[in-house]
Protein backbone atom coordinates (compact mmCIF):
# COMPACT_ATOMS: atom_id res chain seq x y z
CA UNK A 1 0.00 0.00 0.00
CA UNK A 2 1.30 3.43 -0.94
CA UNK A 3 0.86 6.09 1.65
CA UNK A 4 0.75 9.73 0.77
CA UNK A 5 3.95 11.51 1.41
CA UNK A 6 3.97 14.17 4.10
CA UNK A 7 4.41 17.68 2.79
CA UNK A 8 7.79 18.11 4.49
CA UNK A 9 9.36 14.92 3.10
CA UNK A 10 11.23 14.77 -0.16
CA UNK A 11 11.72 11.73 -2.41
CA UNK A 12 15.50 12.03 -2.10
CA UNK A 13 15.25 12.09 1.69
CA UNK A 14 17.48 9.28 3.11
CA UNK A 15 14.92 8.72 5.88
CA UNK A 16 12.53 7.32 3.26
CA UNK A 17 13.03 3.72 2.43
CA UNK A 18 12.85 2.39 -1.11
CA UNK A 19 9.34 1.03 -0.60
CA UNK A 20 8.00 4.28 0.78
CA UNK A 21 9.15 6.57 -2.00
CA UNK A 22 6.34 8.16 -4.01
CA UNK A 23 6.56 9.68 -7.39
CA UNK A 24 5.80 13.43 -7.26
CA UNK A 25 4.39 14.98 -10.42
CA UNK A 26 4.00 18.74 -10.39
CA UNK A 27 0.57 20.09 -11.43
CA UNK A 28 0.69 22.40 -14.40
CA UNK A 29 -2.30 24.44 -15.50
CA UNK A 30 -2.62 26.50 -18.62
CA UNK A 31 -4.98 29.47 -18.64
CA UNK A 32 -6.30 31.52 -21.48
CA UNK A 33 -7.42 35.10 -21.45
CA UNK A 34 -9.94 36.20 -24.06
CA UNK A 35 -10.17 39.86 -24.91
CA UNK A 36 -11.75 41.81 -27.70
CA UNK A 37 -10.53 44.81 -29.59
CA UNK A 38 -12.15 47.02 -32.16
CA UNK A 39 -10.84 46.65 -35.68
CA UNK A 40 -12.13 48.96 -38.34
CA UNK A 41 -13.09 46.73 -41.23
CA UNK A 42 -14.40 49.46 -43.46
CA UNK A 43 -16.65 52.49 -43.79
CA UNK A 44 -20.32 52.62 -44.72
CA UNK A 45 -21.71 55.83 -46.20
CA UNK A 46 -25.49 56.18 -46.38
CA UNK A 47 -26.93 58.89 -48.63
CA UNK A 48 -30.61 59.71 -48.90
CA UNK A 49 -32.09 61.35 -51.99
CA UNK A 50 -35.64 62.71 -52.25
CA UNK A 51 -37.33 62.58 -55.65
CA UNK A 52 -40.59 64.24 -56.70
CA UNK A 53 -42.87 61.94 -58.68
CA UNK A 54 -45.93 63.14 -60.60
CA UNK A 55 -48.95 60.80 -60.36
CA UNK A 56 -52.36 61.14 -61.98
CA UNK A 57 -55.40 59.68 -60.24
CA UNK A 58 -58.84 59.08 -61.70
CA UNK A 59 -61.10 59.29 -58.64
CA UNK A 60 -64.71 58.12 -58.59
CA UNK A 61 -67.11 60.32 -56.68
CA UNK A 62 -70.09 58.86 -54.85
CA UNK A 63 -73.28 60.87 -55.05
CA UNK A 64 -76.47 60.10 -53.16
CA UNK A 65 -79.87 60.98 -54.54
CA UNK A 66 -83.09 61.05 -52.53
CA UNK A 67 -86.52 60.34 -54.03
CA UNK A 68 -89.57 61.33 -52.00
CA UNK A 69 -92.91 59.79 -52.92
CA UNK A 70 -96.27 60.39 -51.22
CA UNK A 71 -98.54 57.34 -51.42
CA UNK A 72 -102.20 57.85 -50.38
CA UNK A 73 -103.55 54.93 -48.29
CA UNK A 74 -106.80 56.12 -46.56
CA UNK A 75 -107.29 53.01 -44.43
CA UNK A 76 -108.70 52.78 -40.89
CA UNK A 77 -106.23 51.18 -38.46
CA UNK A 78 -106.25 50.34 -34.73
CA UNK A 79 -102.71 51.44 -33.76
CA UNK A 80 -100.30 53.94 -35.25
CA UNK A 81 -97.65 52.09 -37.29
CA UNK A 82 -93.94 52.58 -36.65
CA UNK A 83 -91.50 54.07 -39.14
CA UNK A 84 -90.02 51.14 -41.08
CA UNK A 85 -87.33 50.50 -43.69
CA UNK A 86 -87.70 48.23 -46.71
CA UNK A 87 -84.44 47.93 -48.64
CA UNK A 88 -83.26 51.48 -49.41
CA UNK A 89 -86.70 52.96 -48.73
CA UNK A 90 -87.75 54.45 -45.40
CA UNK A 91 -91.55 54.53 -44.95
CA UNK A 92 -92.97 57.20 -42.65
CA UNK A 93 -96.70 56.66 -41.87
CA UNK A 94 -98.85 59.79 -41.56
CA UNK A 95 -101.93 59.27 -39.40
CA UNK A 96 -104.94 61.43 -38.68
CA UNK A 97 -107.48 61.00 -35.90
CA UNK A 98 -110.94 61.16 -37.54
CA UNK A 99 -113.33 60.03 -34.78
CA UNK A 100 -112.86 59.09 -31.18
CA UNK A 101 -110.30 56.25 -31.10
CA UNK A 102 -110.25 55.72 -34.86
CA UNK A 103 -107.04 56.26 -36.76
CA UNK A 104 -106.98 56.80 -40.48
CA UNK A 105 -103.71 55.98 -42.21
CA UNK A 106 -103.93 58.89 -44.54
CA UNK A 107 -100.71 58.43 -46.50
CA UNK A 108 -97.18 57.07 -46.44
CA UNK A 109 -94.18 59.16 -47.30
CA UNK A 110 -91.55 56.96 -48.92
CA UNK A 111 -87.97 58.22 -48.93
CA UNK A 112 -85.67 56.18 -51.17
CA UNK A 113 -81.88 56.57 -51.21
CA UNK A 114 -79.97 55.80 -54.38
CA UNK A 115 -76.18 55.91 -54.63
CA UNK A 116 -74.78 56.96 -57.98
CA UNK A 117 -71.07 56.74 -58.85
CA UNK A 118 -69.73 59.20 -61.34
CA UNK A 119 -66.18 59.67 -62.58
CA UNK A 120 -64.42 62.89 -61.66
CA UNK A 121 -61.79 64.90 -63.47
CA UNK A 122 -58.30 63.33 -63.28
CA UNK A 123 -56.18 64.82 -60.49
CA UNK A 124 -52.41 65.19 -60.74
CA UNK A 125 -50.46 65.29 -57.50
CA UNK A 126 -46.77 65.44 -56.67
CA UNK A 127 -45.56 62.71 -54.36
CA UNK A 128 -42.15 62.50 -52.72
CA UNK A 129 -40.14 59.30 -52.81
CA UNK A 130 -36.95 58.67 -50.87
CA UNK A 131 -34.10 56.59 -52.22
CA UNK A 132 -31.25 55.38 -50.03
CA UNK A 133 -27.79 54.69 -51.47
CA UNK A 134 -25.39 52.65 -49.33
CA UNK A 135 -21.68 52.72 -50.22
CA UNK A 136 -19.42 50.21 -48.47
CA UNK A 137 -15.67 50.69 -48.53
CA UNK A 138 -13.47 47.82 -47.23
CA UNK A 139 -10.67 48.45 -44.75
CA UNK A 140 -7.93 48.55 -47.41
CA UNK A 141 -9.85 51.25 -49.30
CA UNK A 142 -10.60 53.27 -46.15
CA UNK A 143 -7.60 55.50 -46.66
CA UNK A 144 -8.80 56.44 -50.16
CA UNK A 145 -12.40 57.02 -49.03
CA UNK A 146 -13.25 60.22 -47.16
CA UNK A 147 -13.79 59.73 -43.41
CA UNK A 148 -17.31 60.05 -42.03
CA UNK A 149 -18.20 63.26 -40.17
CA UNK A 150 -19.10 61.36 -36.98
CA UNK A 151 -17.05 58.51 -35.49
CA UNK A 152 -18.84 55.14 -35.74
CA UNK A 153 -19.66 54.99 -32.01
CA UNK A 154 -21.03 58.55 -31.85
CA UNK A 155 -24.59 59.25 -33.04
CA UNK A 156 -25.03 62.22 -35.39
CA UNK A 157 -26.20 65.48 -33.79
CA UNK A 158 -29.96 65.96 -33.51
CA UNK A 159 -31.59 68.08 -36.18
CA UNK A 160 -33.19 71.32 -34.92
CA UNK A 161 -37.01 71.09 -34.64
CA UNK A 162 -38.67 72.54 -37.64
C-alpha cells in the first residue's frame, strides 16, 4: 500500500526507504485570457435622396340621390304604425285622428336613397419618394475614401425642430 507523502518529506530524503518513495508529479495548468478589440473593417456611407414623382389619379365620386314619394292609403287602423325600412326605402306613416279612437292611415311618405357613382376629373399630384444609397468601402480602401463626419460609435447630432 502506498501512503501519501507528508508535505515536508522529499523523495530524495534518506529517511525514506525504497518502498516508501512516491513519485511526485508537479501540477501544471494552462490558462487563457480572451479579450476583444475594435478593428475597423471598413466604412459605410449612407446617402438619402428625395425625388418628386408626378402621379395622376382618376377618382370616382359617390353621389347620393333622394326620391320622396307620397302614397295615399286612406285606411282605418287600430294602432299607429312605426317608421319602417324596406331595402333602401324608409316609410314614414302619416296618421290622422278622424273620430274618437279611430285612426286613419292617410298616406305614407316613402324616402328612397340611391347611390350613384360618377367619374371625376383626373387629379395630378406630386408625391415625394426617398431613395437610399449605401456605399461600403473595405478596410484597405478606407484611406482612399473620405472619413465620415461622426465617429462610428457617436450618433449624429440631432436636427433642430422645424
